[in-house]
Amino acid sequence: MEHLLATIRQCEFCVNNLPQGARPIIEASKDSKILLISQAPGRVVHESGIAWDDQSGKKLREWLGVNESTFYNTSNFAILPMGFCYPGKAKTGDMPPRKECAPLWHEQVFSELNNLELIILIGSYASNYYLPQEKTKLTEKVADFKKYLPKFWPLPHPSPVNRFWRIKNPWFEDAVVPMLQEKIASILN
């Protein structure tokens, strides 16, 4: 696993298409119990090199019901974006993740994870990639999360840009988040 992570962190496969250059962000260990598959690192994370070290990460940890030390313990959580590098700014939020990363690296990472109990799909890019047979919108996938258990649990992206989605869908934080926190606690304890 360490060799694979080092190789991924040195990847420059699509460096010419990245406005701020390559800086692949990934965290994992053979012992990771929960895999977080997300969109791509944002600008702040690109600069710090620490996954989810931004406002989105604060909200995600809140949803998961964990503190930073639990979250950044790779025996608990592996972090595997759809695109490993910051893709650049779009009109609203960031550009979509690069399409090369997931096919190039995800299966290799999966093959190294020995204790995986749950895969959390964060946002539409991860959900559409890993649940391609589902033609529903992300909101419907999030509402019907039980349908995808025990393997997957789809979530909206915790970005501040998505605050309007959370306002429009209060059931998510009122009903789904407590069940998610219960599931996370049961896996980690």
N, C-alpha and C. Protein backbone atom coordinates (compact mmCIF):
# COMPACT_ATOMS: atom_id res chain seq x y z
N MET A 1 0.82 -1.19 0.00
CA MET A 1 0.00 0.00 0.00
C MET A 1 0.87 1.26 0.00
N GLU A 2 1.91 1.28 0.81
CA GLU A 2 2.75 2.48 0.88
C GLU A 2 3.39 2.79 -0.48
N HIS A 3 3.81 1.75 -1.18
CA HIS A 3 4.41 1.95 -2.51
C HIS A 3 3.36 2.52 -3.47
N LEU A 4 2.14 1.98 -3.43
CA LEU A 4 1.07 2.47 -4.30
C LEU A 4 0.75 3.93 -3.99
N LEU A 5 0.62 4.28 -2.71
CA LEU A 5 0.33 5.67 -2.34
C LEU A 5 1.44 6.61 -2.81
N ALA A 6 2.68 6.19 -2.65
CA ALA A 6 3.80 7.02 -3.10
C ALA A 6 3.76 7.21 -4.61
N THR A 7 3.42 6.17 -5.34
CA THR A 7 3.32 6.25 -6.80
C THR A 7 2.20 7.22 -7.21
N ILE A 8 1.04 7.10 -6.56
CA ILE A 8 -0.08 7.98 -6.88
C ILE A 8 0.29 9.43 -6.56
N ARG A 9 0.92 9.66 -5.44
CA ARG A 9 1.28 11.03 -5.04
C ARG A 9 2.29 11.67 -5.99
N GLN A 10 2.98 10.87 -6.80
CA GLN A 10 3.93 11.39 -7.78
C GLN A 10 3.33 11.46 -9.18
N CYS A 11 2.07 11.07 -9.32
CA CYS A 11 1.42 11.02 -10.63
C CYS A 11 1.36 12.41 -11.27
N GLU A 12 1.69 12.46 -12.55
CA GLU A 12 1.58 13.68 -13.34
C GLU A 12 0.90 13.39 -14.68
N PHE A 13 0.05 12.38 -14.68
CA PHE A 13 -0.60 11.92 -15.90
C PHE A 13 -1.30 13.04 -16.65
N CYS A 14 -2.00 13.91 -15.92
CA CYS A 14 -2.75 14.98 -16.59
C CYS A 14 -2.25 16.37 -16.18
N VAL A 15 -1.00 16.47 -15.79
CA VAL A 15 -0.44 17.72 -15.27
C VAL A 15 -0.64 18.91 -16.23
N ASN A 16 -0.63 18.66 -17.53
CA ASN A 16 -0.79 19.75 -18.50
C ASN A 16 -2.21 20.30 -18.53
N ASN A 17 -3.15 19.59 -17.89
CA ASN A 17 -4.54 20.03 -17.85
C ASN A 17 -4.93 20.60 -16.50
N LEU A 18 -3.96 20.80 -15.63
CA LEU A 18 -4.24 21.29 -14.28
C LEU A 18 -3.69 22.71 -14.13
N PRO A 19 -4.54 23.70 -13.83
CA PRO A 19 -4.09 25.09 -13.78
C PRO A 19 -3.04 25.37 -12.71
N GLN A 20 -3.03 24.60 -11.62
CA GLN A 20 -2.04 24.83 -10.57
C GLN A 20 -1.09 23.65 -10.42
N GLY A 21 -1.00 22.83 -11.43
CA GLY A 21 -0.08 21.70 -11.41
C GLY A 21 -0.63 20.51 -10.64
N ALA A 22 0.14 19.44 -10.67
CA ALA A 22 -0.27 18.20 -10.01
C ALA A 22 0.14 18.22 -8.54
N ARG A 23 -0.80 17.81 -7.69
CA ARG A 23 -0.53 17.56 -6.28
C ARG A 23 -1.57 16.56 -5.81
N PRO A 24 -1.39 15.28 -6.20
CA PRO A 24 -2.39 14.26 -5.86
C PRO A 24 -2.58 14.12 -4.35
N ILE A 25 -3.84 14.11 -3.95
CA ILE A 25 -4.22 13.99 -2.54
C ILE A 25 -4.91 12.64 -2.36
N ILE A 26 -4.36 11.81 -1.49
CA ILE A 26 -4.94 10.51 -1.17
C ILE A 26 -4.43 10.10 0.21
N GLU A 27 -5.30 9.45 0.97
CA GLU A 27 -4.91 8.91 2.28
C GLU A 27 -5.54 7.54 2.42
N ALA A 28 -4.78 6.57 2.88
CA ALA A 28 -5.32 5.22 3.07
C ALA A 28 -4.30 4.37 3.80
N SER A 29 -4.80 3.27 4.34
CA SER A 29 -3.93 2.21 4.86
C SER A 29 -4.63 0.89 4.58
N LYS A 30 -3.91 -0.19 4.66
CA LYS A 30 -4.51 -1.50 4.46
C LYS A 30 -5.65 -1.74 5.44
N ASP A 31 -5.59 -1.08 6.61
CA ASP A 31 -6.56 -1.29 7.67
C ASP A 31 -7.78 -0.38 7.61
N SER A 32 -7.85 0.55 6.66
CA SER A 32 -8.97 1.50 6.59
C SER A 32 -10.30 0.75 6.58
N LYS A 33 -11.22 1.22 7.43
CA LYS A 33 -12.54 0.58 7.56
C LYS A 33 -13.60 1.27 6.69
N ILE A 34 -13.44 2.57 6.50
CA ILE A 34 -14.41 3.37 5.75
C ILE A 34 -13.67 4.11 4.65
N LEU A 35 -14.20 4.02 3.44
CA LEU A 35 -13.59 4.68 2.29
C LEU A 35 -14.47 5.86 1.88
N LEU A 36 -13.89 7.04 1.83
CA LEU A 36 -14.57 8.25 1.39
C LEU A 36 -14.17 8.52 -0.05
N ILE A 37 -15.12 8.38 -0.96
CA ILE A 37 -14.85 8.69 -2.37
C ILE A 37 -15.55 10.00 -2.66
N SER A 38 -14.76 11.00 -3.00
CA SER A 38 -15.29 12.35 -3.17
C SER A 38 -14.97 12.90 -4.55
N GLN A 39 -15.18 14.17 -4.73
CA GLN A 39 -15.02 14.83 -6.03
C GLN A 39 -13.54 15.01 -6.37
N ALA A 40 -12.94 16.04 -5.83
CA ALA A 40 -11.53 16.36 -6.07
C ALA A 40 -11.13 17.39 -5.02
N PRO A 41 -9.86 17.50 -4.72
CA PRO A 41 -9.45 18.51 -3.75
C PRO A 41 -9.76 19.92 -4.26
N GLY A 42 -10.13 20.79 -3.33
CA GLY A 42 -10.33 22.19 -3.66
C GLY A 42 -9.01 22.94 -3.60
N ARG A 43 -9.06 24.22 -3.85
CA ARG A 43 -7.86 25.05 -3.87
C ARG A 43 -7.15 25.05 -2.52
N VAL A 44 -7.92 25.19 -1.43
CA VAL A 44 -7.33 25.23 -0.09
C VAL A 44 -6.60 23.93 0.21
N VAL A 45 -7.22 22.82 -0.13
CA VAL A 45 -6.60 21.51 0.10
C VAL A 45 -5.38 21.34 -0.80
N HIS A 46 -5.47 21.81 -2.03
CA HIS A 46 -4.32 21.75 -2.93
C HIS A 46 -3.12 22.48 -2.31
N GLU A 47 -3.39 23.62 -1.71
CA GLU A 47 -2.30 24.41 -1.11
C GLU A 47 -1.75 23.77 0.16
N SER A 48 -2.62 23.20 0.99
CA SER A 48 -2.16 22.61 2.25
C SER A 48 -1.64 21.19 2.08
N GLY A 49 -2.19 20.47 1.09
CA GLY A 49 -1.82 19.07 0.91
C GLY A 49 -2.52 18.14 1.88
N ILE A 50 -3.48 18.66 2.64
CA ILE A 50 -4.21 17.86 3.63
C ILE A 50 -5.65 17.71 3.17
N ALA A 51 -6.06 16.47 2.92
CA ALA A 51 -7.41 16.19 2.44
C ALA A 51 -8.48 16.73 3.40
N TRP A 52 -9.50 17.32 2.86
CA TRP A 52 -10.65 17.81 3.62
C TRP A 52 -10.26 18.84 4.68
N ASP A 53 -9.16 19.55 4.47
CA ASP A 53 -8.72 20.58 5.41
C ASP A 53 -9.30 21.93 4.98
N ASP A 54 -10.63 22.00 4.97
CA ASP A 54 -11.33 23.19 4.52
C ASP A 54 -12.74 23.19 5.12
N GLN A 55 -13.57 24.13 4.69
CA GLN A 55 -14.94 24.22 5.22
C GLN A 55 -15.75 22.97 4.88
N SER A 56 -15.55 22.41 3.70
CA SER A 56 -16.24 21.18 3.33
C SER A 56 -15.87 20.05 4.30
N GLY A 57 -14.61 19.98 4.66
CA GLY A 57 -14.15 18.95 5.59
C GLY A 57 -14.75 19.11 6.97
N LYS A 58 -14.89 20.34 7.43
CA LYS A 58 -15.52 20.58 8.73
C LYS A 58 -16.96 20.06 8.72
N LYS A 59 -17.69 20.38 7.66
CA LYS A 59 -19.08 19.93 7.56
C LYS A 59 -19.13 18.41 7.44
N LEU A 60 -18.23 17.80 6.65
CA LEU A 60 -18.22 16.34 6.51
C LEU A 60 -17.96 15.67 7.85
N ARG A 61 -16.97 16.14 8.61
CA ARG A 61 -16.69 15.55 9.93
C ARG A 61 -17.89 15.69 10.86
N GLU A 62 -18.60 16.82 10.74
CA GLU A 62 -19.83 17.02 11.53
C GLU A 62 -20.86 15.96 11.15
N TRP A 63 -21.07 15.76 9.84
CA TRP A 63 -22.02 14.74 9.40
C TRP A 63 -21.63 13.35 9.87
N LEU A 64 -20.34 13.04 9.84
CA LEU A 64 -19.87 11.72 10.23
C LEU A 64 -19.86 11.54 11.75
N GLY A 65 -19.86 12.65 12.48
CA GLY A 65 -19.84 12.59 13.93
C GLY A 65 -18.48 12.22 14.49
N VAL A 66 -17.42 12.69 13.81
CA VAL A 66 -16.06 12.37 14.26
C VAL A 66 -15.23 13.64 14.40
N ASN A 67 -14.20 13.55 15.25
CA ASN A 67 -13.27 14.67 15.39
C ASN A 67 -12.13 14.50 14.39
N GLU A 68 -11.24 15.48 14.34
CA GLU A 68 -10.14 15.45 13.37
C GLU A 68 -9.21 14.25 13.56
N SER A 69 -8.88 13.93 14.81
CA SER A 69 -7.94 12.82 15.02
C SER A 69 -8.54 11.50 14.56
N THR A 70 -9.83 11.30 14.78
CA THR A 70 -10.50 10.08 14.30
C THR A 70 -10.56 10.08 12.78
N PHE A 71 -10.89 11.24 12.21
CA PHE A 71 -11.04 11.37 10.76
C PHE A 71 -9.72 11.12 10.03
N TYR A 72 -8.64 11.68 10.55
CA TYR A 72 -7.35 11.57 9.86
C TYR A 72 -6.56 10.31 10.23
N ASN A 73 -7.14 9.43 11.03
CA ASN A 73 -6.53 8.14 11.33
C ASN A 73 -6.86 7.21 10.16
N THR A 74 -5.87 6.85 9.37
CA THR A 74 -6.13 6.06 8.16
C THR A 74 -6.59 4.63 8.47
N SER A 75 -6.48 4.19 9.70
CA SER A 75 -7.08 2.91 10.07
C SER A 75 -8.61 3.04 10.09
N ASN A 76 -9.09 4.26 10.28
CA ASN A 76 -10.53 4.52 10.25
C ASN A 76 -11.01 4.87 8.85
N PHE A 77 -10.43 5.91 8.26
CA PHE A 77 -10.90 6.45 6.99
C PHE A 77 -9.81 6.46 5.93
N ALA A 78 -10.15 5.99 4.75
CA ALA A 78 -9.33 6.19 3.56
C ALA A 78 -10.00 7.28 2.75
N ILE A 79 -9.21 8.10 2.09
CA ILE A 79 -9.73 9.23 1.31
C ILE A 79 -9.26 9.05 -0.13
N LEU A 80 -10.23 8.85 -1.01
CA LEU A 80 -9.95 8.52 -2.41
C LEU A 80 -10.81 9.40 -3.32
N PRO A 81 -10.29 10.51 -3.80
CA PRO A 81 -11.09 11.36 -4.67
C PRO A 81 -11.29 10.75 -6.07
N MET A 82 -12.29 11.23 -6.76
CA MET A 82 -12.48 10.83 -8.17
C MET A 82 -11.35 11.41 -9.01
N GLY A 83 -10.94 12.62 -8.68
CA GLY A 83 -9.78 13.27 -9.29
C GLY A 83 -8.85 13.65 -8.15
N PHE A 84 -7.60 13.27 -8.23
CA PHE A 84 -6.68 13.45 -7.11
C PHE A 84 -6.12 14.86 -6.97
N CYS A 85 -6.23 15.67 -8.01
CA CYS A 85 -5.65 17.01 -8.00
C CYS A 85 -6.73 18.08 -8.17
N TYR A 86 -6.42 19.27 -7.70
CA TYR A 86 -7.33 20.40 -7.86
C TYR A 86 -7.53 20.67 -9.35
N PRO A 87 -8.78 20.61 -9.83
CA PRO A 87 -9.03 20.77 -11.27
C PRO A 87 -9.14 22.21 -11.75
N GLY A 88 -9.21 23.17 -10.83
CA GLY A 88 -9.36 24.57 -11.21
C GLY A 88 -10.74 25.10 -10.89
N LYS A 89 -10.88 26.40 -11.00
CA LYS A 89 -12.11 27.09 -10.64
C LYS A 89 -13.09 27.11 -11.80
N ALA A 90 -14.38 26.96 -11.47
CA ALA A 90 -15.47 27.09 -12.43
C ALA A 90 -16.31 28.31 -12.03
N LYS A 91 -17.37 28.60 -12.76
CA LYS A 91 -18.23 29.73 -12.42
C LYS A 91 -18.78 29.58 -11.00
N THR A 92 -19.27 28.39 -10.70
CA THR A 92 -19.78 28.08 -9.37
C THR A 92 -18.99 26.90 -8.83
N GLY A 93 -18.19 27.13 -7.83
CA GLY A 93 -17.38 26.04 -7.27
C GLY A 93 -16.18 25.73 -8.16
N ASP A 94 -15.79 24.46 -8.14
CA ASP A 94 -14.62 24.02 -8.89
C ASP A 94 -15.00 23.28 -10.17
N MET A 95 -14.04 23.13 -11.04
CA MET A 95 -14.23 22.34 -12.26
C MET A 95 -14.51 20.88 -11.86
N PRO A 96 -15.08 20.10 -12.76
CA PRO A 96 -15.27 18.67 -12.47
C PRO A 96 -13.92 17.98 -12.26
N PRO A 97 -13.91 16.88 -11.52
CA PRO A 97 -12.66 16.14 -11.35
C PRO A 97 -12.18 15.60 -12.69
N ARG A 98 -10.87 15.48 -12.83
CA ARG A 98 -10.30 14.88 -14.04
C ARG A 98 -10.81 13.45 -14.16
N LYS A 99 -11.14 13.04 -15.38
CA LYS A 99 -11.73 11.71 -15.60
C LYS A 99 -10.69 10.59 -15.64
N GLU A 100 -9.42 10.95 -15.68
CA GLU A 100 -8.38 9.92 -15.81
C GLU A 100 -8.11 9.17 -14.50
N CYS A 101 -8.26 9.85 -13.38
CA CYS A 101 -7.80 9.31 -12.10
C CYS A 101 -8.50 8.03 -11.66
N ALA A 102 -9.82 8.06 -11.60
CA ALA A 102 -10.55 6.90 -11.08
C ALA A 102 -10.23 5.62 -11.87
N PRO A 103 -10.32 5.63 -13.21
CA PRO A 103 -9.98 4.39 -13.93
C PRO A 103 -8.52 3.98 -13.77
N LEU A 104 -7.65 4.96 -13.61
CA LEU A 104 -6.22 4.69 -13.51
C LEU A 104 -5.84 4.11 -12.15
N TRP A 105 -6.46 4.57 -11.06
CA TRP A 105 -5.98 4.23 -9.73
C TRP A 105 -6.95 3.53 -8.79
N HIS A 106 -8.25 3.74 -8.93
CA HIS A 106 -9.17 3.26 -7.90
C HIS A 106 -9.09 1.75 -7.66
N GLU A 107 -9.12 0.96 -8.69
CA GLU A 107 -9.10 -0.51 -8.50
C GLU A 107 -7.83 -0.95 -7.78
N GLN A 108 -6.72 -0.31 -8.08
CA GLN A 108 -5.47 -0.67 -7.40
C GLN A 108 -5.56 -0.37 -5.91
N VAL A 109 -6.18 0.75 -5.57
CA VAL A 109 -6.35 1.09 -4.15
C VAL A 109 -7.30 0.09 -3.49
N PHE A 110 -8.43 -0.19 -4.14
CA PHE A 110 -9.39 -1.15 -3.60
C PHE A 110 -8.72 -2.50 -3.29
N SER A 111 -7.85 -2.93 -4.16
CA SER A 111 -7.22 -4.24 -3.99
C SER A 111 -6.32 -4.29 -2.75
N GLU A 112 -5.93 -3.14 -2.23
CA GLU A 112 -5.05 -3.08 -1.05
C GLU A 112 -5.82 -2.92 0.27
N LEU A 113 -7.11 -2.63 0.19
CA LEU A 113 -7.90 -2.38 1.39
C LEU A 113 -8.45 -3.71 1.94
N ASN A 114 -7.95 -4.12 3.10
CA ASN A 114 -8.29 -5.43 3.65
C ASN A 114 -9.46 -5.43 4.62
N ASN A 115 -9.79 -4.28 5.22
CA ASN A 115 -10.81 -4.24 6.28
C ASN A 115 -11.99 -3.33 5.95
N LEU A 116 -12.20 -3.06 4.69
CA LEU A 116 -13.22 -2.11 4.27
C LEU A 116 -14.63 -2.60 4.63
N GLU A 117 -15.39 -1.74 5.35
CA GLU A 117 -16.76 -2.07 5.73
C GLU A 117 -17.80 -1.20 5.07
N LEU A 118 -17.40 0.02 4.62
CA LEU A 118 -18.37 0.94 4.04
C LEU A 118 -17.66 1.89 3.09
N ILE A 119 -18.33 2.17 1.98
CA ILE A 119 -17.84 3.15 1.02
C ILE A 119 -18.85 4.29 0.98
N ILE A 120 -18.40 5.48 1.34
CA ILE A 120 -19.26 6.66 1.32
C ILE A 120 -18.98 7.42 0.03
N LEU A 121 -20.01 7.56 -0.78
CA LEU A 121 -19.92 8.25 -2.07
C LEU A 121 -20.36 9.69 -1.86
N ILE A 122 -19.43 10.62 -1.95
CA ILE A 122 -19.71 12.02 -1.64
C ILE A 122 -19.87 12.83 -2.92
N GLY A 123 -21.10 13.26 -3.17
CA GLY A 123 -21.39 14.08 -4.35
C GLY A 123 -21.78 13.26 -5.56
N SER A 124 -22.21 13.97 -6.59
CA SER A 124 -22.74 13.30 -7.78
C SER A 124 -21.68 12.59 -8.61
N TYR A 125 -20.46 13.11 -8.66
CA TYR A 125 -19.44 12.45 -9.47
C TYR A 125 -19.14 11.04 -8.96
N ALA A 126 -18.98 10.90 -7.65
CA ALA A 126 -18.71 9.58 -7.07
C ALA A 126 -19.93 8.67 -7.20
N SER A 127 -21.12 9.21 -6.91
CA SER A 127 -22.33 8.39 -6.99
C SER A 127 -22.61 7.93 -8.41
N ASN A 128 -22.44 8.82 -9.38
CA ASN A 128 -22.69 8.43 -10.77
C ASN A 128 -21.68 7.40 -11.26
N TYR A 129 -20.45 7.49 -10.80
CA TYR A 129 -19.42 6.56 -11.22
C TYR A 129 -19.63 5.17 -10.62
N TYR A 130 -19.97 5.13 -9.34
CA TYR A 130 -20.09 3.84 -8.66
C TYR A 130 -21.50 3.27 -8.63
N LEU A 131 -22.48 4.05 -9.01
CA LEU A 131 -23.85 3.56 -9.13
C LEU A 131 -24.38 3.90 -10.52
N PRO A 132 -23.67 3.49 -11.58
CA PRO A 132 -24.05 3.92 -12.93
C PRO A 132 -25.40 3.37 -13.39
N GLN A 133 -25.84 2.27 -12.80
CA GLN A 133 -27.12 1.69 -13.20
C GLN A 133 -28.29 2.52 -12.69
N GLU A 134 -28.02 3.37 -11.70
CA GLU A 134 -29.06 4.22 -11.13
C GLU A 134 -29.16 5.51 -11.94
N LYS A 135 -30.27 5.72 -12.58
CA LYS A 135 -30.45 6.92 -13.40
C LYS A 135 -31.07 8.06 -12.61
N THR A 136 -31.19 7.89 -11.30
CA THR A 136 -31.81 8.91 -10.47
C THR A 136 -30.83 10.04 -10.14
N LYS A 137 -31.39 11.13 -9.69
CA LYS A 137 -30.57 12.28 -9.28
C LYS A 137 -29.97 11.99 -7.90
N LEU A 138 -28.93 12.74 -7.57
CA LEU A 138 -28.24 12.53 -6.30
C LEU A 138 -29.19 12.65 -5.12
N THR A 139 -30.11 13.60 -5.14
CA THR A 139 -31.05 13.77 -4.03
C THR A 139 -31.83 12.48 -3.78
N GLU A 140 -32.26 11.83 -4.84
CA GLU A 140 -32.99 10.57 -4.69
C GLU A 140 -32.10 9.46 -4.16
N LYS A 141 -30.84 9.43 -4.61
CA LYS A 141 -29.91 8.43 -4.10
C LYS A 141 -29.66 8.63 -2.61
N VAL A 142 -29.50 9.89 -2.21
CA VAL A 142 -29.26 10.20 -0.79
C VAL A 142 -30.48 9.79 0.04
N ALA A 143 -31.68 10.09 -0.46
CA ALA A 143 -32.90 9.73 0.26
C ALA A 143 -33.08 8.22 0.35
N ASP A 144 -32.67 7.50 -0.68
CA ASP A 144 -32.82 6.04 -0.74
C ASP A 144 -31.54 5.31 -0.36
N PHE A 145 -30.73 5.92 0.52
CA PHE A 145 -29.41 5.36 0.84
C PHE A 145 -29.46 3.90 1.28
N LYS A 146 -30.54 3.48 1.96
CA LYS A 146 -30.63 2.11 2.46
C LYS A 146 -30.58 1.09 1.32
N LYS A 147 -31.02 1.51 0.15
CA LYS A 147 -31.01 0.65 -1.03
C LYS A 147 -29.59 0.22 -1.41
N TYR A 148 -28.60 1.03 -1.06
CA TYR A 148 -27.22 0.77 -1.49
C TYR A 148 -26.37 0.12 -0.39
N LEU A 149 -26.92 0.04 0.79
CA LEU A 149 -26.20 -0.61 1.89
C LEU A 149 -26.21 -2.13 1.68
N PRO A 150 -25.25 -2.85 2.17
CA PRO A 150 -24.24 -2.44 3.13
C PRO A 150 -22.95 -1.87 2.50
N LYS A 151 -22.85 -1.87 1.18
CA LYS A 151 -21.59 -1.46 0.55
C LYS A 151 -21.43 0.05 0.45
N PHE A 152 -22.44 0.72 -0.11
CA PHE A 152 -22.33 2.15 -0.40
C PHE A 152 -23.30 2.97 0.44
N TRP A 153 -22.91 4.23 0.68
CA TRP A 153 -23.80 5.21 1.31
C TRP A 153 -23.58 6.53 0.58
N PRO A 154 -24.51 6.93 -0.31
CA PRO A 154 -24.35 8.19 -1.04
C PRO A 154 -24.70 9.40 -0.17
N LEU A 155 -23.90 10.45 -0.31
CA LEU A 155 -24.11 11.71 0.40
C LEU A 155 -24.02 12.87 -0.58
N PRO A 156 -24.64 14.00 -0.24
CA PRO A 156 -24.39 15.22 -1.02
C PRO A 156 -22.98 15.71 -0.71
N HIS A 157 -22.49 16.62 -1.50
CA HIS A 157 -21.18 17.19 -1.19
C HIS A 157 -21.37 18.21 -0.06
N PRO A 158 -20.48 18.21 0.94
CA PRO A 158 -20.63 19.13 2.06
C PRO A 158 -20.13 20.56 1.81
N SER A 159 -19.86 20.90 0.59
CA SER A 159 -19.35 22.23 0.24
C SER A 159 -20.30 23.34 0.67
N PRO A 160 -19.76 24.49 1.08
CA PRO A 160 -20.62 25.65 1.35
C PRO A 160 -21.47 26.03 0.13
N VAL A 161 -21.00 25.72 -1.06
CA VAL A 161 -21.76 26.00 -2.28
C VAL A 161 -23.09 25.23 -2.26
N ASN A 162 -23.13 24.11 -1.56
CA ASN A 162 -24.34 23.27 -1.49
C ASN A 162 -25.28 23.66 -0.34
N ARG A 163 -25.06 24.78 0.29
CA ARG A 163 -25.90 25.16 1.43
C ARG A 163 -27.37 25.29 1.02
N PHE A 164 -27.64 25.71 -0.22
CA PHE A 164 -29.02 25.84 -0.66
C PHE A 164 -29.68 24.47 -0.78
N TRP A 165 -28.91 23.45 -1.19
CA TRP A 165 -29.45 22.08 -1.24
C TRP A 165 -29.85 21.65 0.17
N ARG A 166 -28.99 21.93 1.15
CA ARG A 166 -29.29 21.53 2.53
C ARG A 166 -30.51 22.27 3.07
N ILE A 167 -30.66 23.53 2.71
CA ILE A 167 -31.84 24.30 3.13
C ILE A 167 -33.10 23.72 2.50
N LYS A 168 -33.01 23.35 1.25
CA LYS A 168 -34.15 22.81 0.51
C LYS A 168 -34.51 21.39 0.95
N ASN A 169 -33.53 20.68 1.50
CA ASN A 169 -33.73 19.28 1.89
C ASN A 169 -33.37 19.07 3.37
N PRO A 170 -34.14 19.68 4.29
CA PRO A 170 -33.80 19.58 5.71
C PRO A 170 -33.86 18.15 6.24
N TRP A 171 -34.60 17.28 5.59
CA TRP A 171 -34.70 15.88 6.01
C TRP A 171 -33.33 15.21 6.07
N PHE A 172 -32.38 15.68 5.23
CA PHE A 172 -31.07 15.04 5.20
C PHE A 172 -30.37 15.17 6.56
N GLU A 173 -30.22 16.39 7.04
CA GLU A 173 -29.52 16.58 8.32
C GLU A 173 -30.38 16.18 9.51
N ASP A 174 -31.70 16.25 9.37
CA ASP A 174 -32.59 15.86 10.46
C ASP A 174 -32.69 14.35 10.63
N ALA A 175 -32.77 13.62 9.53
CA ALA A 175 -33.03 12.17 9.61
C ALA A 175 -31.87 11.29 9.16
N VAL A 176 -31.22 11.65 8.06
CA VAL A 176 -30.18 10.78 7.50
C VAL A 176 -28.87 10.89 8.28
N VAL A 177 -28.45 12.11 8.61
CA VAL A 177 -27.17 12.30 9.30
C VAL A 177 -27.11 11.53 10.63
N PRO A 178 -28.17 11.54 11.46
CA PRO A 178 -28.09 10.73 12.69
C PRO A 178 -27.90 9.23 12.42
N MET A 179 -28.53 8.72 11.37
CA MET A 179 -28.34 7.30 11.02
C MET A 179 -26.91 7.06 10.52
N LEU A 180 -26.38 8.01 9.75
CA LEU A 180 -25.00 7.91 9.28
C LEU A 180 -24.04 7.90 10.47
N GLN A 181 -24.24 8.80 11.41
CA GLN A 181 -23.37 8.86 12.59
C GLN A 181 -23.43 7.57 13.39
N GLU A 182 -24.61 6.99 13.48
CA GLU A 182 -24.76 5.71 14.19
C GLU A 182 -23.98 4.61 13.48
N LYS A 183 -24.07 4.59 12.15
CA LYS A 183 -23.35 3.58 11.36
C LYS A 183 -21.84 3.76 11.51
N ILE A 184 -21.36 4.99 11.42
CA ILE A 184 -19.93 5.26 11.55
C ILE A 184 -19.45 4.82 12.93
N ALA A 185 -20.18 5.18 13.97
CA ALA A 185 -19.81 4.81 15.34
C ALA A 185 -19.75 3.29 15.49
N SER A 186 -20.70 2.58 14.88
CA SER A 186 -20.71 1.11 15.01
C SER A 186 -19.51 0.48 14.31
N ILE A 187 -19.05 1.07 13.22
CA ILE A 187 -17.88 0.55 12.50
C ILE A 187 -16.61 0.86 13.26
N LEU A 188 -16.50 2.05 13.81
CA LEU A 188 -15.25 2.48 14.44
C LEU A 188 -15.08 1.97 15.86
N ASN A 189 -16.17 1.54 16.50
CA ASN A 189 -16.06 1.07 17.89
C ASN A 189 -15.92 -0.43 18.00
